[in-house]
Protein backbone atom coordinates (compact mmCIF):
# COMPACT_ATOMS: atom_id res chain seq x y z
CA MET A 1 -82.00 -98.81 -125.67
CA ASN A 2 -78.43 -98.77 -127.03
CA ARG A 3 -77.98 -95.26 -125.68
CA LYS A 4 -78.88 -96.45 -122.14
CA VAL A 5 -76.39 -99.32 -122.38
CA ILE A 6 -73.66 -96.93 -123.53
CA LEU A 7 -74.40 -94.49 -120.68
CA ILE A 8 -74.34 -97.29 -118.08
CA SER A 9 -71.04 -98.61 -119.48
CA LEU A 10 -69.50 -95.13 -119.39
CA PHE A 11 -70.67 -94.67 -115.78
CA ILE A 12 -69.14 -98.01 -114.69
CA SER A 13 -65.88 -97.21 -116.47
CA TYR A 14 -65.72 -93.78 -114.86
CA PHE A 15 -66.40 -95.26 -111.41
CA ASN A 16 -63.68 -97.90 -111.82
CA LEU A 17 -61.20 -95.28 -113.04
CA ALA A 18 -62.00 -92.98 -110.10
CA PHE A 19 -61.64 -95.86 -107.64
CA THR A 20 -58.27 -96.83 -109.13
CA GLN A 21 -56.98 -93.28 -108.94
CA THR A 22 -58.17 -92.52 -105.41
CA ASN A 23 -57.53 -95.92 -103.82
CA LYS A 24 -53.84 -95.87 -102.94
CA SER A 25 -53.87 -98.93 -100.68
CA TYR A 26 -51.44 -101.71 -101.47
CA ILE A 27 -49.83 -104.79 -99.93
CA ILE A 28 -46.28 -106.03 -100.61
CA THR A 29 -45.86 -109.72 -99.88
CA ASN A 30 -42.64 -111.47 -98.90
CA GLU A 31 -42.30 -112.60 -102.52
CA LYS A 32 -42.18 -108.87 -103.41
CA ASP A 33 -45.53 -109.13 -105.19
CA THR A 34 -47.49 -105.87 -104.93
CA LEU A 35 -51.26 -106.14 -104.64
CA ARG A 36 -52.97 -102.96 -105.87
CA ASN A 37 -56.55 -101.83 -106.52
CA ILE A 38 -57.62 -103.31 -103.19
CA LYS A 39 -59.71 -102.04 -100.29
CA ILE A 40 -58.24 -102.86 -96.90
CA ILE A 41 -60.85 -103.73 -94.26
CA LYS A 42 -59.96 -101.54 -91.28
CA LYS A 43 -62.09 -103.34 -88.70
CA TYR A 44 -59.68 -104.50 -86.03
CA ALA A 45 -61.12 -108.01 -85.95
CA SER A 46 -60.13 -108.28 -89.63
CA THR A 47 -56.96 -106.17 -89.82
CA ASN A 48 -54.61 -105.99 -86.83
CA PHE A 49 -51.02 -106.69 -85.85
CA ASN A 50 -51.40 -110.34 -86.89
CA GLN A 51 -53.06 -110.05 -90.30
CA VAL A 52 -54.51 -107.88 -93.06
CA SER A 53 -57.93 -108.47 -94.65
CA PHE A 54 -58.86 -106.79 -97.89
CA ILE A 55 -61.33 -106.82 -100.79
CA ASN A 56 -59.61 -107.56 -104.06
CA HIS A 57 -60.54 -106.27 -107.50
CA ASP A 58 -62.93 -109.23 -107.95
CA GLY A 59 -64.90 -108.24 -104.85
CA ASN A 60 -63.69 -111.21 -102.78
CA VAL A 61 -62.36 -110.95 -99.22
CA GLN A 62 -58.84 -112.23 -98.64
CA THR A 63 -56.66 -112.40 -95.51
CA ILE A 64 -52.88 -112.50 -95.37
CA LYS A 65 -50.97 -113.26 -92.17
CA SER A 66 -48.20 -111.01 -90.88
CA GLU A 67 -45.60 -113.75 -91.58
CA ASP A 68 -46.37 -113.50 -95.32
CA ILE A 69 -46.31 -109.70 -95.59
CA HIS A 70 -43.37 -107.34 -96.09
CA SER A 71 -45.45 -104.16 -95.68
CA TYR A 72 -48.78 -102.55 -96.54
CA PHE A 73 -50.32 -99.09 -96.88
CA ASP A 74 -53.96 -98.56 -95.84
CA GLY A 75 -54.32 -95.16 -97.49
CA GLU A 76 -53.15 -93.28 -94.39
CA ASN A 77 -50.30 -95.16 -92.71
CA LYS A 78 -47.60 -97.58 -93.76
CA PHE A 79 -47.25 -100.79 -91.72
CA LEU A 80 -44.18 -103.02 -91.67
CA SER A 81 -43.93 -106.65 -90.67
CA LYS A 82 -41.28 -106.88 -87.95
CA THR A 83 -39.88 -109.78 -85.96
CA ASP A 84 -40.60 -109.80 -82.24
CA ILE A 85 -38.01 -110.37 -79.52
CA THR A 86 -38.46 -114.17 -79.65
CA GLY A 87 -37.36 -114.20 -83.31
CA LYS A 88 -40.27 -116.54 -84.13
CA LYS A 89 -43.26 -114.24 -84.67
CA LYS A 90 -43.90 -111.21 -86.84
CA LYS A 91 -46.12 -108.26 -85.99
CA LEU A 92 -47.50 -105.54 -88.25
CA MET A 93 -46.81 -102.04 -86.96
CA SER A 94 -46.35 -98.43 -88.01
CA HIS A 95 -43.31 -96.56 -86.77
CA ILE A 96 -43.91 -93.51 -84.59
CA LEU A 97 -40.18 -92.79 -84.10
CA ILE A 98 -37.04 -94.35 -85.60
CA GLY A 99 -33.59 -93.94 -84.09
CA PRO A 100 -31.33 -95.44 -81.42
CA LEU A 101 -34.65 -96.37 -79.81
CA THR A 102 -37.55 -97.14 -82.17
CA LEU A 103 -41.20 -96.92 -81.16
CA GLY A 104 -43.86 -98.84 -83.10
CA GLU A 105 -47.65 -98.84 -82.81
CA SER A 106 -50.44 -101.19 -83.91
CA LYS A 107 -53.85 -102.54 -82.90
CA ASN A 108 -54.89 -105.95 -81.62
CA SER A 109 -58.12 -107.73 -82.60
CA LYS A 110 -60.03 -105.83 -79.88
CA GLY A 111 -58.97 -102.44 -81.25
CA GLU A 112 -56.63 -101.74 -78.34
CA THR A 113 -53.45 -99.77 -79.05
CA ILE A 114 -50.30 -101.89 -78.78
CA PHE A 115 -46.82 -100.37 -78.57
CA PHE A 116 -43.49 -101.93 -79.55
CA LEU A 117 -39.98 -100.91 -78.57
CA LYS A 118 -36.59 -101.79 -80.08
CA LYS A 119 -33.08 -100.59 -79.27
CA VAL A 120 -30.78 -100.44 -82.25
CA ASP A 121 -28.31 -102.97 -80.82
CA LYS A 122 -30.94 -105.48 -79.70
CA GLN A 123 -32.69 -108.20 -81.68
CA GLY A 124 -36.44 -108.00 -82.31
CA TYR A 125 -39.24 -105.73 -81.12
CA VAL A 126 -40.55 -105.94 -77.55
CA CYS A 127 -44.33 -105.85 -77.19
CA LEU A 128 -44.95 -103.45 -74.29
CA GLU A 129 -48.51 -104.63 -73.61
CA GLU A 130 -47.42 -107.19 -71.01
CA TYR A 131 -45.35 -104.52 -69.24
CA LYS A 132 -47.86 -101.65 -69.32
CA PHE A 133 -48.48 -101.83 -65.56
CA LYS A 134 -44.75 -102.05 -64.76
CA LEU A 135 -43.41 -100.01 -67.65
CA ASN A 136 -40.75 -98.03 -65.78
CA ASP A 137 -39.27 -101.19 -64.25
CA PHE A 138 -39.07 -102.90 -67.63
CA ILE A 139 -37.43 -99.94 -69.39
CA SER A 140 -34.95 -99.65 -66.54
CA SER A 141 -33.86 -103.25 -67.21
CA TYR A 142 -34.06 -102.95 -71.03
CA LEU A 143 -31.81 -99.88 -71.35
CA ALA A 144 -28.36 -100.23 -69.77
CA ASP A 145 -27.94 -96.45 -69.48
CA TYR A 146 -31.47 -95.70 -68.26
CA GLN A 147 -30.43 -94.59 -64.75
CA GLU A 148 -27.96 -92.09 -66.21
CA PHE A 149 -30.58 -90.87 -68.72
CA LYS A 150 -33.13 -90.56 -65.90
CA LEU A 151 -31.01 -87.86 -64.25
CA MET A 152 -31.97 -85.51 -67.10
CA TYR A 153 -35.41 -86.96 -67.94
CA ARG A 154 -37.44 -87.17 -64.73
CA LYS A 155 -40.90 -87.79 -66.18
CA LYS A 156 -42.74 -91.01 -65.37
CA ILE A 157 -43.45 -93.17 -68.41
CA TYR A 158 -47.04 -94.20 -69.12
CA TYR A 159 -48.54 -96.58 -71.65
CA ASN A 160 -49.83 -94.02 -74.16
CA THR A 161 -48.59 -92.29 -77.32
CA LYS A 162 -47.78 -88.98 -75.65
CA SER A 163 -45.72 -90.37 -72.79
CA LEU A 164 -43.89 -93.06 -74.78
CA GLY A 165 -43.30 -90.75 -77.76
CA GLU A 166 -41.78 -88.00 -75.62
CA PHE A 167 -39.66 -90.52 -73.71
CA VAL A 168 -38.28 -92.13 -76.90
CA SER A 169 -37.60 -88.77 -78.59
CA ALA A 170 -35.79 -87.53 -75.45
CA TYR A 171 -33.71 -90.72 -75.28
CA ASN A 172 -32.76 -90.48 -78.97
CA GLU A 173 -31.63 -86.87 -78.45
CA TYR A 174 -29.65 -88.01 -75.41
CA GLN A 175 -27.95 -90.69 -77.56
CA ASN A 176 -27.25 -88.43 -80.56
CA PRO A 177 -28.11 -84.75 -80.09
CA GLU A 178 -26.74 -83.86 -83.54
CA LEU A 179 -29.34 -85.97 -85.35
CA TYR A 180 -32.36 -86.07 -83.02
CA ARG A 181 -34.43 -83.50 -81.16
CA TYR A 182 -36.93 -83.87 -78.36
CA THR A 183 -40.52 -83.75 -79.65
CA LYS A 184 -43.75 -83.11 -77.79
CA PHE A 185 -46.70 -85.37 -78.61
CA LYS A 186 -50.44 -84.94 -78.35
CA ASN A 187 -52.34 -87.38 -76.18
CA THR A 188 -54.20 -89.36 -78.87
CA GLU A 189 -55.74 -91.65 -76.23
CA ALA A 190 -57.12 -88.65 -74.32
CA LEU A 191 -60.80 -89.33 -74.96
CA GLN A 192 -62.55 -92.26 -73.26
CA ILE A 193 -66.23 -93.22 -73.14
CA GLY A 194 -67.84 -95.38 -70.48
CA SER A 195 -70.96 -96.30 -68.53
CA TYR A 196 -71.91 -95.32 -64.98
CA ILE A 197 -74.39 -96.49 -62.35
CA SER A 198 -74.91 -95.13 -58.83
CA LEU A 199 -77.03 -95.26 -55.69
CA ASN A 200 -77.32 -92.19 -53.50
CA LEU A 201 -77.98 -92.47 -49.77
CA MET A 202 -78.84 -88.95 -48.68
CA SER A 203 -80.55 -86.83 -46.10
CA THR A 204 -83.09 -84.15 -47.00
CA ILE A 205 -83.58 -80.97 -45.02
CA ASN A 206 -86.68 -78.83 -45.39
CA ASN A 207 -85.26 -75.30 -45.51
CA ASP A 208 -88.49 -73.90 -44.02
CA ASP A 209 -88.20 -76.13 -40.98
CA PHE A 210 -84.66 -77.33 -40.25
CA SER A 211 -85.92 -79.81 -37.70
CA LYS A 212 -87.47 -81.91 -40.48
CA ILE A 213 -84.88 -84.33 -41.80
CA PHE A 214 -85.98 -87.05 -44.21
CA ILE A 215 -84.48 -89.80 -46.34
CA PHE A 216 -83.75 -89.09 -49.98
CA ASN A 217 -82.95 -92.04 -52.28
CA THR A 218 -81.60 -91.70 -55.80
CA PHE A 219 -80.83 -94.17 -58.56
CA ALA A 220 -78.80 -92.95 -61.53
CA LEU A 221 -77.68 -94.58 -64.78
CA GLY A 222 -75.87 -93.08 -67.74
CA MET A 223 -72.72 -92.43 -69.75
CA LEU A 224 -69.43 -90.75 -68.97
CA LEU A 225 -66.92 -88.96 -71.19
CA GLU A 226 -63.35 -88.44 -69.98
CA ASN A 227 -60.78 -86.19 -71.61
CA SER A 228 -57.20 -86.32 -70.31
CA TYR A 229 -55.16 -83.12 -70.60
CA SER A 230 -52.13 -84.78 -69.03
CA ASN A 231 -51.31 -87.99 -67.19
CA ASN A 232 -52.77 -86.43 -64.04
CA LEU A 233 -55.38 -83.82 -65.03
CA VAL A 234 -58.73 -85.06 -66.38
CA LEU A 235 -62.04 -83.46 -67.35
CA ASN A 236 -64.82 -85.91 -66.49
CA PHE A 237 -68.34 -85.37 -67.85
CA LYS A 238 -71.33 -87.53 -66.90
CA THR A 239 -74.82 -87.55 -68.42
CA LEU A 240 -77.23 -89.45 -66.18
CA PHE A 241 -80.88 -90.41 -65.98
CA ASN A 242 -81.82 -89.88 -62.34
CA SER A 243 -84.82 -91.14 -60.38
CA SER A 244 -85.11 -89.33 -57.02
CA ARG A 245 -87.57 -89.98 -54.20
CA ILE A 246 -88.35 -87.74 -51.22
CA SER A 247 -90.31 -89.17 -48.31
CA THR A 248 -91.61 -86.97 -45.47
CA LYS A 249 -94.38 -87.29 -42.89
CA GLU A 250 -96.74 -85.42 -45.18
CA ASP A 251 -95.36 -85.88 -48.67
CA LYS A 252 -94.10 -88.70 -50.81
CA PHE A 253 -93.06 -87.95 -54.35
CA THR A 254 -90.57 -89.04 -56.99
CA PHE A 255 -89.11 -86.71 -59.58
CA TYR A 256 -87.21 -87.68 -62.72
CA LYS A 257 -84.35 -85.66 -64.13
CA ILE A 258 -81.39 -85.63 -66.49
CA ASP A 259 -78.10 -84.71 -64.82
CA PHE A 260 -75.15 -83.03 -66.54
CA GLU A 261 -72.05 -83.27 -64.37
CA PRO A 262 -68.73 -81.72 -65.45
CA ALA A 263 -65.84 -82.30 -63.02
CA LEU A 264 -62.13 -81.46 -62.99
CA MET A 265 -60.28 -84.45 -61.56
CA TYR A 266 -56.69 -85.09 -60.51
CA LYS A 267 -55.13 -88.57 -60.70
CA ILE A 268 -52.47 -89.94 -58.39
CA LYS A 269 -50.77 -93.20 -59.30
CA LEU A 270 -50.81 -95.61 -56.33
CA ASN A 271 -49.07 -98.47 -58.14
CA ASP A 272 -48.88 -99.91 -61.66
CA LYS A 273 -52.54 -100.99 -61.60
CA ALA A 274 -54.38 -98.52 -59.36
CA LYS A 275 -54.96 -94.76 -59.23
CA LEU A 276 -56.65 -92.43 -56.80
CA VAL A 277 -58.78 -89.78 -58.52
CA PHE A 278 -60.37 -86.78 -56.78
CA GLY A 279 -61.77 -83.35 -57.53
CA PRO A 280 -64.78 -80.98 -57.51
CA GLY A 281 -67.64 -80.86 -59.99
CA LEU A 282 -70.94 -79.17 -60.86
CA ILE A 283 -74.38 -80.75 -61.06
CA ILE A 284 -76.81 -79.23 -63.56
CA SER A 285 -80.13 -81.09 -63.64
CA TYR A 286 -83.24 -80.76 -65.74
CA CYS A 287 -86.35 -82.18 -64.05
CA PHE A 288 -88.98 -83.28 -66.55
CA ASN A 289 -91.57 -85.22 -64.51
CA THR A 290 -92.94 -85.68 -60.97
CA LYS A 291 -94.89 -88.63 -59.63
CA ASN A 292 -96.82 -88.15 -56.38
CA SER A 293 -98.07 -90.51 -53.71
CA GLY A 294 -99.51 -89.48 -50.34
CA ASN A 295 -99.65 -90.72 -46.79
CA ALA A 296 -103.08 -91.90 -45.70
CA GLY A 297 -104.73 -89.93 -48.46
CA ILE A 298 -103.42 -86.57 -47.25
CA ILE A 299 -101.54 -85.71 -50.42
CA LYS A 300 -103.17 -85.88 -53.83
CA SER A 301 -101.20 -86.97 -56.86
CA GLU A 302 -101.34 -83.58 -58.53
CA GLN A 303 -100.10 -81.48 -55.60
CA GLU A 304 -96.26 -81.77 -55.82
CA GLU A 305 -94.34 -80.62 -58.86
CA VAL A 306 -90.61 -80.30 -59.51
CA LYS A 307 -89.75 -78.83 -62.89
CA GLY A 308 -86.96 -76.96 -64.61
CA LEU A 309 -83.29 -76.58 -63.77
CA ILE A 310 -81.70 -77.65 -60.49
CA PHE A 311 -78.12 -76.70 -59.59
CA GLY A 312 -75.65 -78.22 -57.18
CA TYR A 313 -72.07 -79.39 -56.66
CA LYS A 314 -70.13 -82.53 -55.77
CA LEU A 315 -66.78 -83.56 -54.30
CA SER A 316 -65.67 -86.92 -55.69
CA THR A 317 -63.08 -89.55 -54.87
CA GLU A 318 -62.53 -92.53 -57.17
CA PHE A 319 -60.47 -95.68 -56.90
CA GLU A 320 -59.49 -96.68 -60.45
CA LEU A 321 -58.13 -100.04 -61.61
CA PHE A 322 -56.38 -100.83 -64.93
CA ASN A 323 -57.55 -97.45 -66.39
CA LYS A 324 -60.95 -99.12 -66.88
CA ALA A 325 -63.07 -99.74 -63.78
CA SER A 326 -63.73 -97.22 -61.00
CA LEU A 327 -65.42 -97.25 -57.60
CA THR A 328 -66.75 -93.76 -56.82
CA LEU A 329 -67.61 -92.14 -53.51
CA ALA A 330 -68.91 -88.57 -53.73
CA TYR A 331 -70.49 -85.94 -51.52
CA VAL A 332 -73.31 -84.25 -53.49
CA ASN A 333 -75.45 -81.24 -52.68
CA GLN A 334 -78.46 -79.80 -54.53
CA LYS A 335 -81.27 -77.37 -53.75
CA VAL A 336 -84.71 -78.36 -54.99
CA ILE A 337 -87.81 -76.15 -55.12
CA VAL A 338 -91.10 -78.05 -54.89
CA ARG A 339 -94.16 -76.24 -56.19
CA LYS A 340 -97.66 -77.19 -55.01
CA LYS A 341 -100.79 -76.80 -57.10
CA VAL A 342 -102.95 -75.02 -54.53
CA THR A 343 -106.42 -73.52 -54.34
CA LYS A 344 -107.19 -69.82 -53.81
CA SER A 345 -107.75 -70.37 -50.10
CA ILE A 346 -104.12 -71.22 -49.49
CA SER A 347 -101.74 -68.35 -48.88
CA PRO A 348 -98.90 -67.65 -51.33
CA GLU A 349 -96.28 -68.59 -48.70
CA ASP A 350 -97.47 -72.19 -48.81
CA LYS A 351 -96.97 -72.61 -52.55
CA ILE A 352 -93.25 -73.37 -52.47
CA THR A 353 -91.19 -75.72 -50.30
CA LYS A 354 -87.39 -75.68 -50.51
CA TYR A 355 -85.33 -78.80 -49.92
CA ASN A 356 -81.58 -79.01 -49.47
CA LEU A 357 -80.44 -82.44 -50.68
CA SER A 358 -77.06 -83.64 -49.49
CA GLY A 359 -75.32 -86.91 -48.79
CA LEU A 360 -73.20 -89.68 -50.29
CA ARG A 361 -73.24 -91.23 -53.74
CA ILE A 362 -71.76 -94.67 -54.33
CA GLY A 363 -71.12 -95.47 -57.98
CA LEU A 364 -69.43 -97.83 -60.41
CA ALA A 365 -67.93 -96.77 -63.74
CA TYR A 366 -66.41 -98.72 -66.62
CA LYS A 367 -64.56 -97.12 -69.54
CA PHE A 368 -64.52 -98.89 -72.89
């Protein structure tokens, strides 16, 4: 029994020692007290530019406001408490670049990236969030020599790490080329995830008889993944559950499929809030089920079958607002082969019917 107690005690001691050695997080308060052996809670609702929440060595959760903190280290990045431009509030931020123009970064309680800017001869940090849709106008008024600097730096400035980081590093080199050099940044906000819903209003042509034109209705719901390679070039990938119905004089059937839709899109900025997005894409579908219904008992439920891969293409145009919501209008085209379960008396030519599906898709997307 004593041996078990000793082993448990040794295990607890070893665990505490390992935690102490590997946990490098700390908080320095305004009174210069350093809190160590803590675990900072990195959820943005708990730790953001206004406060830090942590678990102390007793296992209790504590929260300290930005006004009471000098700095803290979360194990990866150091954050400093800095006064904003009003001189009344303090915000916690990490510095991306320091120089004649300093760029800071933090998160709000929703987990959104917030950027701060400060010129060396100005008081307090400016929160750029309220200017993110009119960023170039604000910077033009904030920097007295911006128009002169713009003659050598012609890039538009966007509210992301890559664009702001490259702008600030270029400006610092412009101010003091002996101390600072222009630096290229990766687009850390490149990847976005969202949801998508659409209704397709399409015409269907029977390839065996081009005089037969029917209505094809599609409902689609799924997720989208967007990866930005620059401020203008985007790879958009949708994964959709698709319910498609073909109605002819002889046949009525619905087939269900999963769509995989990669598209290369180009963005044009219309104003500070809106963008026009357009480009081509592929449609790769896997059909996994078919449901039949006939007209006046002519077609039996087991006669139509759509299975396997279906290929097609699309040409899309999107109207995007606030980098979040999009209204999509796309021309889509797919070829579908419908197989019939037939008896021996029916000739082989009647076993397959080919449909060319084309028309418009109207969709709504929202990126988180």
